[in-house]
Amino acid sequence: MILTTPIIIPITLYKGDDFDLQLNWRVHCGAPFDLTDYNAKMTFWPSKTDRSAPVYQITNPWTLGEGINLNDTSPNIWAHILGVNVDFSTAPAVSKWHILELQTPAGINLGIDGVWFRFAEGKVDYIV
């Protein structure tokens, strides 16, 4: 299953504070969609249109205490950035846009094996 239109989720990052984003993608009966075999990445960009160089990126699985956790239980998408890494003020440009992408697993046999799709995106307010 992939989305054709990403969900718009504005977020706020506070310098030095941990950041958590927990989402629930549910199937028609209300149960969490099983994302255990999917991959994910959340990239922070200088602006909605500037994709020249990412400001920061997290992926799954978690490494060194941060990343994206994908599950078959609620929340089935959990993105976490450690507060020590929430300091984009030294980056070439303070991030103004994020994109959360998911990659379909191999072997689902729907002609979309391994396809990356944009699940969510939105404006980022960065508070120093």
N, C-alpha and C. Protein backbone atom coordinates (compact mmCIF):
# COMPACT_ATOMS: atom_id res chain seq x y z
N MET A 1 0.84 -1.17 0.00
CA MET A 1 0.00 0.00 0.00
C MET A 1 0.89 1.24 0.00
N ILE A 2 0.63 2.19 -0.90
CA ILE A 2 1.35 3.45 -0.90
C ILE A 2 0.34 4.59 -0.98
N LEU A 3 0.76 5.75 -0.55
CA LEU A 3 -0.09 6.93 -0.64
C LEU A 3 0.28 7.71 -1.88
N THR A 4 -0.70 8.30 -2.53
CA THR A 4 -0.41 9.13 -3.70
C THR A 4 -0.25 10.59 -3.33
N THR A 5 -0.79 10.99 -2.19
CA THR A 5 -0.65 12.36 -1.70
C THR A 5 -0.11 12.31 -0.28
N PRO A 6 1.02 12.97 -0.02
CA PRO A 6 1.56 12.91 1.35
C PRO A 6 0.70 13.69 2.35
N ILE A 7 0.78 13.25 3.58
CA ILE A 7 0.10 13.92 4.68
C ILE A 7 0.93 15.17 5.04
N ILE A 8 0.28 16.30 5.26
CA ILE A 8 0.99 17.52 5.64
C ILE A 8 1.03 17.60 7.17
N ILE A 9 2.26 17.59 7.72
CA ILE A 9 2.45 17.64 9.17
C ILE A 9 3.48 18.72 9.50
N PRO A 10 3.05 19.90 9.93
CA PRO A 10 4.02 20.90 10.39
C PRO A 10 4.60 20.48 11.73
N ILE A 11 5.89 20.74 11.93
CA ILE A 11 6.53 20.37 13.19
C ILE A 11 7.35 21.54 13.73
N THR A 12 7.63 21.48 15.02
CA THR A 12 8.48 22.47 15.67
C THR A 12 9.63 21.75 16.33
N LEU A 13 10.85 22.21 16.08
CA LEU A 13 12.05 21.70 16.72
C LEU A 13 12.58 22.77 17.66
N TYR A 14 12.91 22.37 18.88
CA TYR A 14 13.49 23.28 19.86
C TYR A 14 14.95 22.92 20.05
N LYS A 15 15.84 23.87 19.84
CA LYS A 15 17.27 23.62 19.97
C LYS A 15 17.58 22.94 21.31
N GLY A 16 18.27 21.80 21.23
CA GLY A 16 18.69 21.09 22.42
C GLY A 16 17.67 20.16 23.04
N ASP A 17 16.43 20.16 22.55
CA ASP A 17 15.39 19.28 23.08
C ASP A 17 15.24 18.05 22.20
N ASP A 18 14.95 16.90 22.82
CA ASP A 18 14.62 15.71 22.04
C ASP A 18 13.38 15.99 21.20
N PHE A 19 13.33 15.38 20.03
CA PHE A 19 12.18 15.51 19.14
C PHE A 19 11.56 14.14 18.93
N ASP A 20 10.25 14.04 19.07
CA ASP A 20 9.52 12.81 18.82
C ASP A 20 8.33 13.09 17.92
N LEU A 21 8.15 12.22 16.95
CA LEU A 21 6.97 12.26 16.09
C LEU A 21 6.40 10.85 16.06
N GLN A 22 5.19 10.67 16.58
CA GLN A 22 4.56 9.36 16.59
C GLN A 22 3.29 9.42 15.76
N LEU A 23 3.21 8.51 14.78
CA LEU A 23 2.08 8.47 13.86
C LEU A 23 1.48 7.07 13.84
N ASN A 24 0.21 7.00 13.52
CA ASN A 24 -0.48 5.73 13.35
C ASN A 24 -1.10 5.68 11.97
N TRP A 25 -0.61 4.76 11.14
CA TRP A 25 -1.20 4.51 9.83
C TRP A 25 -2.06 3.28 10.01
N ARG A 26 -3.34 3.42 9.80
CA ARG A 26 -4.28 2.33 10.08
C ARG A 26 -4.95 1.81 8.81
N VAL A 27 -5.31 0.54 8.84
CA VAL A 27 -6.08 -0.05 7.75
C VAL A 27 -7.56 0.27 7.98
N HIS A 28 -8.39 -0.10 7.03
CA HIS A 28 -9.81 0.28 7.06
C HIS A 28 -10.54 -0.16 8.33
N CYS A 29 -10.12 -1.26 8.97
CA CYS A 29 -10.80 -1.72 10.18
C CYS A 29 -10.29 -1.02 11.45
N GLY A 30 -9.29 -0.16 11.30
CA GLY A 30 -8.77 0.59 12.43
C GLY A 30 -7.50 0.04 13.04
N ALA A 31 -7.08 -1.15 12.62
CA ALA A 31 -5.85 -1.75 13.15
C ALA A 31 -4.64 -1.07 12.52
N PRO A 32 -3.51 -1.00 13.24
CA PRO A 32 -2.31 -0.41 12.66
C PRO A 32 -1.84 -1.19 11.43
N PHE A 33 -1.45 -0.48 10.38
CA PHE A 33 -0.89 -1.09 9.18
C PHE A 33 0.48 -1.66 9.54
N ASP A 34 0.78 -2.87 9.11
CA ASP A 34 2.05 -3.53 9.46
C ASP A 34 3.19 -2.95 8.62
N LEU A 35 4.08 -2.20 9.27
CA LEU A 35 5.21 -1.56 8.60
C LEU A 35 6.55 -2.21 8.96
N THR A 36 6.51 -3.37 9.59
CA THR A 36 7.76 -3.97 10.10
C THR A 36 8.77 -4.27 9.00
N ASP A 37 8.36 -4.54 7.78
CA ASP A 37 9.30 -4.84 6.70
C ASP A 37 9.61 -3.64 5.81
N TYR A 38 9.06 -2.49 6.14
CA TYR A 38 9.30 -1.27 5.37
C TYR A 38 10.60 -0.61 5.84
N ASN A 39 11.13 0.30 5.04
CA ASN A 39 12.23 1.17 5.43
C ASN A 39 11.70 2.60 5.48
N ALA A 40 12.42 3.46 6.20
CA ALA A 40 11.97 4.85 6.32
C ALA A 40 13.16 5.78 6.41
N LYS A 41 12.93 7.02 5.99
CA LYS A 41 13.91 8.09 6.19
C LYS A 41 13.16 9.40 6.32
N MET A 42 13.65 10.23 7.22
CA MET A 42 13.09 11.57 7.42
C MET A 42 14.22 12.56 7.19
N THR A 43 14.03 13.41 6.20
CA THR A 43 15.07 14.34 5.80
C THR A 43 14.59 15.77 6.05
N PHE A 44 15.49 16.58 6.60
CA PHE A 44 15.23 17.99 6.84
C PHE A 44 15.97 18.80 5.79
N TRP A 45 15.24 19.67 5.09
CA TRP A 45 15.78 20.44 3.97
C TRP A 45 15.75 21.94 4.28
N PRO A 46 16.61 22.71 3.59
CA PRO A 46 16.63 24.17 3.81
C PRO A 46 15.30 24.85 3.48
N SER A 47 14.55 24.31 2.52
CA SER A 47 13.25 24.90 2.17
C SER A 47 12.41 23.85 1.46
N LYS A 48 11.19 24.20 1.14
CA LYS A 48 10.30 23.27 0.45
C LYS A 48 10.84 22.92 -0.94
N THR A 49 11.53 23.84 -1.57
CA THR A 49 12.01 23.60 -2.93
C THR A 49 13.51 23.32 -3.03
N ASP A 50 14.28 23.65 -2.01
CA ASP A 50 15.74 23.46 -2.04
C ASP A 50 16.09 22.05 -1.57
N ARG A 51 16.50 21.20 -2.50
CA ARG A 51 16.92 19.84 -2.19
C ARG A 51 18.41 19.64 -2.51
N SER A 52 19.17 20.73 -2.49
CA SER A 52 20.59 20.65 -2.86
C SER A 52 21.41 19.85 -1.86
N ALA A 53 21.15 20.04 -0.57
CA ALA A 53 21.88 19.29 0.46
C ALA A 53 21.01 19.21 1.71
N PRO A 54 20.78 18.01 2.23
CA PRO A 54 19.96 17.90 3.43
C PRO A 54 20.65 18.51 4.64
N VAL A 55 19.85 19.09 5.54
CA VAL A 55 20.37 19.63 6.78
C VAL A 55 20.61 18.50 7.79
N TYR A 56 19.69 17.53 7.81
CA TYR A 56 19.81 16.39 8.73
C TYR A 56 18.92 15.27 8.22
N GLN A 57 19.29 14.02 8.57
CA GLN A 57 18.47 12.89 8.15
C GLN A 57 18.54 11.79 9.20
N ILE A 58 17.38 11.16 9.46
CA ILE A 58 17.33 9.97 10.29
C ILE A 58 16.70 8.85 9.47
N THR A 59 17.04 7.61 9.81
CA THR A 59 16.54 6.45 9.08
C THR A 59 16.13 5.37 10.08
N ASN A 60 15.64 4.26 9.57
CA ASN A 60 15.41 3.09 10.42
C ASN A 60 16.49 2.07 10.10
N PRO A 61 16.86 1.23 11.03
CA PRO A 61 16.43 1.23 12.42
C PRO A 61 17.16 2.31 13.21
N TRP A 62 16.78 2.43 14.49
CA TRP A 62 17.44 3.40 15.37
C TRP A 62 18.92 3.07 15.46
N THR A 63 19.74 4.11 15.44
CA THR A 63 21.18 3.95 15.69
C THR A 63 21.61 5.05 16.64
N LEU A 64 22.42 4.70 17.60
CA LEU A 64 22.93 5.65 18.59
C LEU A 64 21.80 6.44 19.26
N GLY A 65 20.69 5.77 19.53
CA GLY A 65 19.60 6.38 20.29
C GLY A 65 18.61 7.21 19.52
N GLU A 66 18.73 7.25 18.19
CA GLU A 66 17.75 8.00 17.41
C GLU A 66 17.50 7.32 16.08
N GLY A 67 16.44 7.73 15.43
CA GLY A 67 16.09 7.14 14.14
C GLY A 67 14.59 7.00 14.02
N ILE A 68 14.18 6.04 13.20
CA ILE A 68 12.76 5.79 12.96
C ILE A 68 12.48 4.33 13.27
N ASN A 69 11.46 4.11 14.08
CA ASN A 69 11.03 2.76 14.42
C ASN A 69 9.71 2.49 13.69
N LEU A 70 9.66 1.38 12.95
CA LEU A 70 8.45 0.98 12.23
C LEU A 70 7.93 -0.31 12.83
N ASN A 71 6.62 -0.37 13.09
CA ASN A 71 6.02 -1.50 13.80
C ASN A 71 4.72 -1.94 13.17
N ASP A 72 4.13 -2.97 13.79
CA ASP A 72 2.78 -3.39 13.46
C ASP A 72 1.82 -3.07 14.60
N THR A 73 2.32 -2.33 15.60
CA THR A 73 1.50 -1.90 16.73
C THR A 73 1.54 -0.38 16.81
N SER A 74 0.68 0.18 17.62
CA SER A 74 0.58 1.63 17.75
C SER A 74 1.65 2.18 18.69
N PRO A 75 2.38 3.25 18.36
CA PRO A 75 2.42 3.91 17.06
C PRO A 75 3.26 3.09 16.08
N ASN A 76 2.80 2.98 14.85
CA ASN A 76 3.58 2.17 13.90
C ASN A 76 4.65 2.98 13.17
N ILE A 77 4.68 4.29 13.38
CA ILE A 77 5.79 5.13 12.91
C ILE A 77 6.22 6.01 14.08
N TRP A 78 7.49 5.89 14.47
CA TRP A 78 8.00 6.70 15.58
C TRP A 78 9.37 7.22 15.19
N ALA A 79 9.45 8.53 14.97
CA ALA A 79 10.71 9.20 14.64
C ALA A 79 11.24 9.91 15.89
N HIS A 80 12.54 9.77 16.13
CA HIS A 80 13.14 10.36 17.33
C HIS A 80 14.51 10.94 16.98
N ILE A 81 14.74 12.18 17.43
CA ILE A 81 16.06 12.82 17.29
C ILE A 81 16.50 13.24 18.68
N LEU A 82 17.72 12.89 19.04
CA LEU A 82 18.28 13.28 20.32
C LEU A 82 18.48 14.79 20.38
N GLY A 83 18.25 15.37 21.56
CA GLY A 83 18.39 16.81 21.73
C GLY A 83 19.76 17.35 21.37
N VAL A 84 20.81 16.56 21.62
CA VAL A 84 22.16 17.04 21.28
C VAL A 84 22.33 17.23 19.78
N ASN A 85 21.48 16.57 18.98
CA ASN A 85 21.55 16.72 17.53
C ASN A 85 20.56 17.73 16.98
N VAL A 86 19.70 18.27 17.85
CA VAL A 86 18.74 19.28 17.41
C VAL A 86 19.39 20.65 17.58
N ASP A 87 20.36 20.89 16.74
CA ASP A 87 21.05 22.19 16.69
C ASP A 87 21.38 22.46 15.24
N PHE A 88 20.38 22.91 14.50
CA PHE A 88 20.56 23.18 13.09
C PHE A 88 21.07 24.59 12.84
N SER A 89 21.35 25.35 13.93
CA SER A 89 21.77 26.74 13.77
C SER A 89 23.14 26.85 13.10
N THR A 90 23.95 25.79 13.18
CA THR A 90 25.27 25.83 12.55
C THR A 90 25.23 25.30 11.12
N ALA A 91 24.07 24.80 10.69
CA ALA A 91 23.94 24.30 9.33
C ALA A 91 23.94 25.46 8.34
N PRO A 92 24.26 25.18 7.07
CA PRO A 92 24.28 26.26 6.07
C PRO A 92 22.96 27.04 6.02
N ALA A 93 21.87 26.36 6.26
CA ALA A 93 20.56 27.02 6.31
C ALA A 93 19.71 26.28 7.33
N VAL A 94 18.96 27.01 8.11
CA VAL A 94 18.09 26.36 9.08
C VAL A 94 16.97 25.66 8.32
N SER A 95 16.75 24.40 8.66
CA SER A 95 15.76 23.60 7.95
C SER A 95 14.37 24.23 8.03
N LYS A 96 13.70 24.28 6.91
CA LYS A 96 12.36 24.84 6.85
C LYS A 96 11.33 23.82 6.35
N TRP A 97 11.75 22.61 5.99
CA TRP A 97 10.85 21.62 5.43
C TRP A 97 11.36 20.22 5.76
N HIS A 98 10.43 19.32 6.06
CA HIS A 98 10.82 17.92 6.29
C HIS A 98 10.04 17.02 5.35
N ILE A 99 10.64 15.89 5.02
CA ILE A 99 9.97 14.87 4.20
C ILE A 99 10.21 13.52 4.86
N LEU A 100 9.13 12.80 5.13
CA LEU A 100 9.19 11.45 5.68
C LEU A 100 8.80 10.50 4.56
N GLU A 101 9.75 9.62 4.18
CA GLU A 101 9.51 8.67 3.10
C GLU A 101 9.54 7.25 3.63
N LEU A 102 8.73 6.41 3.03
CA LEU A 102 8.70 4.99 3.33
C LEU A 102 9.05 4.21 2.07
N GLN A 103 9.68 3.05 2.27
CA GLN A 103 10.03 2.18 1.15
C GLN A 103 9.29 0.86 1.32
N THR A 104 8.56 0.47 0.28
CA THR A 104 7.82 -0.79 0.34
C THR A 104 8.81 -1.96 0.40
N PRO A 105 8.43 -3.04 1.08
CA PRO A 105 9.32 -4.20 1.20
C PRO A 105 9.38 -5.00 -0.09
N ALA A 106 10.44 -5.79 -0.20
CA ALA A 106 10.56 -6.72 -1.32
C ALA A 106 9.59 -7.86 -1.11
N GLY A 107 9.11 -8.44 -2.19
CA GLY A 107 8.28 -9.63 -2.11
C GLY A 107 6.81 -9.40 -1.89
N ILE A 108 6.32 -8.16 -2.03
CA ILE A 108 4.89 -7.97 -1.85
C ILE A 108 4.12 -8.21 -3.16
N ASN A 109 4.88 -8.32 -4.26
CA ASN A 109 4.34 -8.75 -5.55
C ASN A 109 3.17 -7.91 -6.06
N LEU A 110 3.26 -6.62 -5.85
CA LEU A 110 2.24 -5.72 -6.38
C LEU A 110 2.82 -4.78 -7.42
N GLY A 111 4.02 -5.08 -7.87
CA GLY A 111 4.69 -4.21 -8.83
C GLY A 111 5.29 -2.97 -8.19
N ILE A 112 5.32 -2.94 -6.86
CA ILE A 112 5.86 -1.77 -6.16
C ILE A 112 6.94 -2.17 -5.15
N ASP A 113 7.56 -3.31 -5.35
CA ASP A 113 8.61 -3.76 -4.45
C ASP A 113 9.75 -2.74 -4.41
N GLY A 114 10.14 -2.33 -3.21
CA GLY A 114 11.28 -1.44 -3.05
C GLY A 114 11.06 -0.01 -3.49
N VAL A 115 9.82 0.41 -3.67
CA VAL A 115 9.51 1.77 -4.12
C VAL A 115 9.49 2.72 -2.92
N TRP A 116 10.21 3.84 -3.05
CA TRP A 116 10.15 4.90 -2.03
C TRP A 116 8.98 5.81 -2.37
N PHE A 117 8.19 6.17 -1.36
CA PHE A 117 7.11 7.12 -1.58
C PHE A 117 7.05 8.09 -0.41
N ARG A 118 6.59 9.29 -0.71
CA ARG A 118 6.49 10.35 0.29
C ARG A 118 5.25 10.13 1.14
N PHE A 119 5.46 9.83 2.42
CA PHE A 119 4.35 9.57 3.33
C PHE A 119 3.84 10.88 3.96
N ALA A 120 4.78 11.71 4.41
CA ALA A 120 4.40 12.97 5.06
C ALA A 120 5.46 14.02 4.77
N GLU A 121 5.05 15.26 4.86
CA GLU A 121 5.97 16.38 4.70
C GLU A 121 5.35 17.59 5.38
N GLY A 122 6.16 18.62 5.57
CA GLY A 122 5.61 19.82 6.16
C GLY A 122 6.65 20.84 6.58
N LYS A 123 6.15 21.98 6.95
CA LYS A 123 6.98 23.10 7.39
C LYS A 123 7.62 22.77 8.74
N VAL A 124 8.84 23.26 8.91
CA VAL A 124 9.57 23.08 10.17
C VAL A 124 9.83 24.45 10.76
N ASP A 125 9.37 24.66 11.99
CA ASP A 125 9.73 25.86 12.75
C ASP A 125 10.85 25.44 13.69
N TYR A 126 11.95 26.17 13.62
CA TYR A 126 13.12 25.88 14.45
C TYR A 126 13.26 26.99 15.48
N ILE A 127 13.16 26.64 16.76
CA ILE A 127 13.21 27.62 17.84
C ILE A 127 14.54 27.50 18.57
N VAL A 128 15.29 28.59 18.60
CA VAL A 128 16.60 28.60 19.27
C VAL A 128 16.40 28.91 20.74
